[in-house]
Amino acid sequence: MRSWARSPAGLIVDQPGGTLWSFAFAATVIAAATAVAARPAGPMARAEAAVNA
């Protein structure tokens, strides 16, 4: 496999006992993405605030 094709989760799972850590890594990434997506920001939030004001 080429070095540019490796993901952090793939590098983690290749280690002994890495399967558990790869799921923990994935859960952390999903939690961070959820926190970012939950923030009301951007044009849709401004439009909704203007309509509800």
PDB file of N, CA and C in Angstrom:
ATOM      1  N   MET A   1       0.847  -1.175   0.000  1.00  0.00           N
ATOM      2  CA  MET A   1       0.000   0.000   0.000  1.00  0.00           C
ATOM      3  C   MET A   1       0.892   1.238   0.000  1.00  0.00           C
ATOM      4  N   ARG A   2       0.494   2.215  -0.716  1.00  0.00           N
ATOM      5  CA  ARG A   2       1.260   3.462  -0.769  1.00  0.00           C
ATOM      6  C   ARG A   2       1.090   4.253   0.519  1.00  0.00           C
ATOM      7  N   SER A   3       2.112   5.016   0.865  1.00  0.00           N
ATOM      8  CA  SER A   3       2.075   5.735   2.136  1.00  0.00           C
ATOM      9  C   SER A   3       0.984   6.791   2.166  1.00  0.00           C
ATOM     10  N   TRP A   4       0.639   7.389   1.012  1.00  0.00           N
ATOM     11  CA  TRP A   4      -0.389   8.422   1.003  1.00  0.00           C
ATOM     12  C   TRP A   4      -1.785   7.837   1.135  1.00  0.00           C
ATOM     13  N   ALA A   5      -1.917   6.537   0.976  1.00  0.00           N
ATOM     14  CA  ALA A   5      -3.232   5.904   1.050  1.00  0.00           C
ATOM     15  C   ALA A   5      -3.572   5.421   2.451  1.00  0.00           C
ATOM     16  N   ARG A   6      -2.661   5.575   3.396  1.00  0.00           N
ATOM     17  CA  ARG A   6      -2.935   5.097   4.756  1.00  0.00           C
ATOM     18  C   ARG A   6      -3.715   6.139   5.551  1.00  0.00           C
ATOM     19  N   SER A   7      -4.683   5.668   6.289  1.00  0.00           N
ATOM     20  CA  SER A   7      -5.445   6.557   7.163  1.00  0.00           C
ATOM     21  C   SER A   7      -4.982   6.348   8.600  1.00  0.00           C
ATOM     22  N   PRO A   8      -5.252   7.314   9.483  1.00  0.00           N
ATOM     23  CA  PRO A   8      -4.877   7.115  10.888  1.00  0.00           C
ATOM     24  C   PRO A   8      -5.534   5.867  11.485  1.00  0.00           C
ATOM     25  N   ALA A   9      -6.793   5.603  11.138  1.00  0.00           N
ATOM     26  CA  ALA A   9      -7.464   4.417  11.674  1.00  0.00           C
ATOM     27  C   ALA A   9      -6.795   3.145  11.163  1.00  0.00           C
ATOM     28  N   GLY A  10      -6.355   3.144   9.908  1.00  0.00           N
ATOM     29  CA  GLY A  10      -5.671   1.978   9.362  1.00  0.00           C
ATOM     30  C   GLY A  10      -4.345   1.733  10.046  1.00  0.00           C
ATOM     31  N   LEU A  11      -3.624   2.793  10.346  1.00  0.00           N
ATOM     32  CA  LEU A  11      -2.353   2.642  11.061  1.00  0.00           C
ATOM     33  C   LEU A  11      -2.579   2.136  12.479  1.00  0.00           C
ATOM     34  N   ILE A  12      -3.661   2.561  13.111  1.00  0.00           N
ATOM     35  CA  ILE A  12      -3.965   2.130  14.472  1.00  0.00           C
ATOM     36  C   ILE A  12      -4.339   0.653  14.491  1.00  0.00           C
ATOM     37  N   VAL A  13      -5.190   0.234  13.562  1.00  0.00           N
ATOM     38  CA  VAL A  13      -5.693  -1.133  13.581  1.00  0.00           C
ATOM     39  C   VAL A  13      -4.606  -2.143  13.218  1.00  0.00           C
ATOM     40  N   ASP A  14      -3.547  -1.708  12.561  1.00  0.00           N
ATOM     41  CA  ASP A  14      -2.446  -2.608  12.217  1.00  0.00           C
ATOM     42  C   ASP A  14      -1.589  -2.965  13.426  1.00  0.00           C
ATOM     43  N   GLN A  15      -1.772  -2.312  14.541  1.00  0.00           N
ATOM     44  CA  GLN A  15      -0.996  -2.578  15.749  1.00  0.00           C
ATOM     45  C   GLN A  15      -1.690  -3.657  16.577  1.00  0.00           C
ATOM     46  N   PRO A  16      -0.938  -4.374  17.416  1.00  0.00           N
ATOM     47  CA  PRO A  16      -1.576  -5.360  18.305  1.00  0.00           C
ATOM     48  C   PRO A  16      -2.578  -4.675  19.236  1.00  0.00           C
ATOM     49  N   GLY A  17      -3.773  -5.180  19.298  1.00  0.00           N
ATOM     50  CA  GLY A  17      -4.823  -4.580  20.123  1.00  0.00           C
ATOM     51  C   GLY A  17      -5.386  -3.307  19.535  1.00  0.00           C
ATOM     52  N   GLY A  18      -5.114  -3.070  18.280  1.00  0.00           N
ATOM     53  CA  GLY A  18      -5.506  -1.818  17.650  1.00  0.00           C
ATOM     54  C   GLY A  18      -6.960  -1.711  17.274  1.00  0.00           C
ATOM     55  N   THR A  19      -7.664  -2.834  17.203  1.00  0.00           N
ATOM     56  CA  THR A  19      -9.068  -2.778  16.808  1.00  0.00           C
ATOM     57  C   THR A  19      -9.884  -1.925  17.780  1.00  0.00           C
ATOM     58  N   LEU A  20      -9.681  -2.132  19.056  1.00  0.00           N
ATOM     59  CA  LEU A  20     -10.387  -1.330  20.062  1.00  0.00           C
ATOM     60  C   LEU A  20     -10.056   0.143  19.906  1.00  0.00           C
ATOM     61  N   TRP A  21      -8.765   0.452  19.704  1.00  0.00           N
ATOM     62  CA  TRP A  21      -8.350   1.845  19.581  1.00  0.00           C
ATOM     63  C   TRP A  21      -8.858   2.486  18.294  1.00  0.00           C
ATOM     64  N   SER A  22      -9.007   1.696  17.246  1.00  0.00           N
ATOM     65  CA  SER A  22      -9.541   2.279  16.012  1.00  0.00           C
ATOM     66  C   SER A  22     -11.002   2.670  16.182  1.00  0.00           C
ATOM     67  N   PHE A  23     -11.766   1.877  16.931  1.00  0.00           N
ATOM     68  CA  PHE A  23     -13.159   2.256  17.204  1.00  0.00           C
ATOM     69  C   PHE A  23     -13.221   3.473  18.116  1.00  0.00           C
ATOM     70  N   ALA A  24     -12.309   3.565  19.071  1.00  0.00           N
ATOM     71  CA  ALA A  24     -12.263   4.749  19.938  1.00  0.00           C
ATOM     72  C   ALA A  24     -11.904   5.988  19.124  1.00  0.00           C
ATOM     73  N   PHE A  25     -10.976   5.846  18.182  1.00  0.00           N
ATOM     74  CA  PHE A  25     -10.605   6.951  17.299  1.00  0.00           C
ATOM     75  C   PHE A  25     -11.799   7.389  16.466  1.00  0.00           C
ATOM     76  N   ALA A  26     -12.515   6.426  15.886  1.00  0.00           N
ATOM     77  CA  ALA A  26     -13.685   6.744  15.064  1.00  0.00           C
ATOM     78  C   ALA A  26     -14.763   7.440  15.895  1.00  0.00           C
ATOM     79  N   ALA A  27     -14.987   6.980  17.115  1.00  0.00           N
ATOM     80  CA  ALA A  27     -15.986   7.615  17.977  1.00  0.00           C
ATOM     81  C   ALA A  27     -15.587   9.043  18.316  1.00  0.00           C
ATOM     82  N   THR A  28     -14.309   9.280  18.525  1.00  0.00           N
ATOM     83  CA  THR A  28     -13.828  10.628  18.819  1.00  0.00           C
ATOM     84  C   THR A  28     -14.024  11.552  17.629  1.00  0.00           C
ATOM     85  N   VAL A  29     -13.729  11.054  16.431  1.00  0.00           N
ATOM     86  CA  VAL A  29     -13.914  11.863  15.226  1.00  0.00           C
ATOM     87  C   VAL A  29     -15.392  12.194  15.023  1.00  0.00           C
ATOM     88  N   ILE A  30     -16.262  11.225  15.236  1.00  0.00           N
ATOM     89  CA  ILE A  30     -17.701  11.455  15.079  1.00  0.00           C
ATOM     90  C   ILE A  30     -18.205  12.448  16.128  1.00  0.00           C
ATOM     91  N   ALA A  31     -17.722  12.341  17.362  1.00  0.00           N
ATOM     92  CA  ALA A  31     -18.131  13.279  18.413  1.00  0.00           C
ATOM     93  C   ALA A  31     -17.679  14.698  18.077  1.00  0.00           C
ATOM     94  N   ALA A  32     -16.475  14.840  17.554  1.00  0.00           N
ATOM     95  CA  ALA A  32     -15.989  16.168  17.181  1.00  0.00           C
ATOM     96  C   ALA A  32     -16.796  16.735  16.017  1.00  0.00           C
ATOM     97  N   ALA A  33     -17.115  15.902  15.045  1.00  0.00           N
ATOM     98  CA  ALA A  33     -17.912  16.362  13.907  1.00  0.00           C
ATOM     99  C   ALA A  33     -19.317  16.758  14.350  1.00  0.00           C
ATOM    100  N   THR A  34     -19.879  16.025  15.287  1.00  0.00           N
ATOM    101  CA  THR A  34     -21.209  16.357  15.805  1.00  0.00           C
ATOM    102  C   THR A  34     -21.185  17.692  16.528  1.00  0.00           C
ATOM    103  N   ALA A  35     -20.139  17.929  17.308  1.00  0.00           N
ATOM    104  CA  ALA A  35     -20.034  19.202  18.025  1.00  0.00           C
ATOM    105  C   ALA A  35     -19.892  20.372  17.056  1.00  0.00           C
ATOM    106  N   VAL A  36     -19.142  20.186  16.000  1.00  0.00           N
ATOM    107  CA  VAL A  36     -18.980  21.256  15.014  1.00  0.00           C
ATOM    108  C   VAL A  36     -20.285  21.486  14.259  1.00  0.00           C
ATOM    109  N   ALA A  37     -20.962  20.412  13.886  1.00  0.00           N
ATOM    110  CA  ALA A  37     -22.204  20.541  13.123  1.00  0.00           C
ATOM    111  C   ALA A  37     -23.349  21.123  13.959  1.00  0.00           C
ATOM    112  N   ALA A  38     -23.295  20.958  15.268  1.00  0.00           N
ATOM    113  CA  ALA A  38     -24.376  21.439  16.125  1.00  0.00           C
ATOM    114  C   ALA A  38     -24.324  22.942  16.362  1.00  0.00           C
ATOM    115  N   ARG A  39     -23.178  23.549  16.094  1.00  0.00           N
ATOM    116  CA  ARG A  39     -23.063  25.000  16.297  1.00  0.00           C
ATOM    117  C   ARG A  39     -23.907  25.741  15.274  1.00  0.00           C
ATOM    118  N   PRO A  40     -24.760  26.631  15.729  1.00  0.00           N
ATOM    119  CA  PRO A  40     -25.532  27.418  14.769  1.00  0.00           C
ATOM    120  C   PRO A  40     -24.652  28.510  14.154  1.00  0.00           C
ATOM    121  N   ALA A  41     -24.260  28.320  12.931  1.00  0.00           N
ATOM    122  CA  ALA A  41     -23.410  29.296  12.260  1.00  0.00           C
ATOM    123  C   ALA A  41     -23.680  29.224  10.767  1.00  0.00           C
ATOM    124  N   GLY A  42     -23.270  30.243  10.074  1.00  0.00           N
ATOM    125  CA  GLY A  42     -23.395  30.237   8.627  1.00  0.00           C
ATOM    126  C   GLY A  42     -24.654  30.934   8.152  1.00  0.00           C
ATOM    127  N   PRO A  43     -24.867  30.931   6.859  1.00  0.00           N
ATOM    128  CA  PRO A  43     -25.973  31.673   6.273  1.00  0.00           C
ATOM    129  C   PRO A  43     -27.356  31.140   6.665  1.00  0.00           C
ATOM    130  N   MET A  44     -27.492  29.837   6.835  1.00  0.00           N
ATOM    131  CA  MET A  44     -28.804  29.294   7.210  1.00  0.00           C
ATOM    132  C   MET A  44     -29.206  29.749   8.611  1.00  0.00           C
ATOM    133  N   ALA A  45     -28.266  29.748   9.538  1.00  0.00           N
ATOM    134  CA  ALA A  45     -28.561  30.190  10.899  1.00  0.00           C
ATOM    135  C   ALA A  45     -28.909  31.673  10.921  1.00  0.00           C
ATOM    136  N   ARG A  46     -28.193  32.477  10.139  1.00  0.00           N
ATOM    137  CA  ARG A  46     -28.501  33.917  10.085  1.00  0.00           C
ATOM    138  C   ARG A  46     -29.870  34.149   9.468  1.00  0.00           C
ATOM    139  N   ALA A  47     -30.214  33.392   8.435  1.00  0.00           N
ATOM    140  CA  ALA A  47     -31.524  33.552   7.802  1.00  0.00           C
ATOM    141  C   ALA A  47     -32.642  33.148   8.757  1.00  0.00           C
ATOM    142  N   GLU A  48     -32.428  32.048   9.465  1.00  0.00           N
ATOM    143  CA  GLU A  48     -33.448  31.608  10.408  1.00  0.00           C
ATOM    144  C   GLU A  48     -33.600  32.617  11.540  1.00  0.00           C
ATOM    145  N   ALA A  49     -32.509  33.187  12.009  1.00  0.00           N
ATOM    146  CA  ALA A  49     -32.577  34.193  13.068  1.00  0.00           C
ATOM    147  C   ALA A  49     -33.313  35.437  12.583  1.00  0.00           C
ATOM    148  N   ALA A  50     -33.110  35.800  11.320  1.00  0.00           N
ATOM    149  CA  ALA A  50     -33.776  36.980  10.784  1.00  0.00           C
ATOM    150  C   ALA A  50     -35.281  36.742  10.628  1.00  0.00           C
ATOM    151  N   VAL A  51     -35.663  35.534  10.266  1.00  0.00           N
ATOM    152  CA  VAL A  51     -37.081  35.211  10.092  1.00  0.00           C
ATOM    153  C   VAL A  51     -37.774  35.146  11.440  1.00  0.00           C
ATOM    154  N   ASN A  52     -37.110  34.582  12.428  1.00  0.00           N
ATOM    155  CA  ASN A  52     -37.727  34.413  13.747  1.00  0.00           C
ATOM    156  C   ASN A  52     -37.652  35.657  14.620  1.00  0.00           C
ATOM    157  N   ALA A  53     -36.956  36.695  14.183  1.00  0.00           N
ATOM    158  CA  ALA A  53     -36.790  37.899  14.997  1.00  0.00           C
ATOM    159  C   ALA A  53     -38.019  38.781  14.932  1.00  0.00           C
TER     160      ALA A  53
END
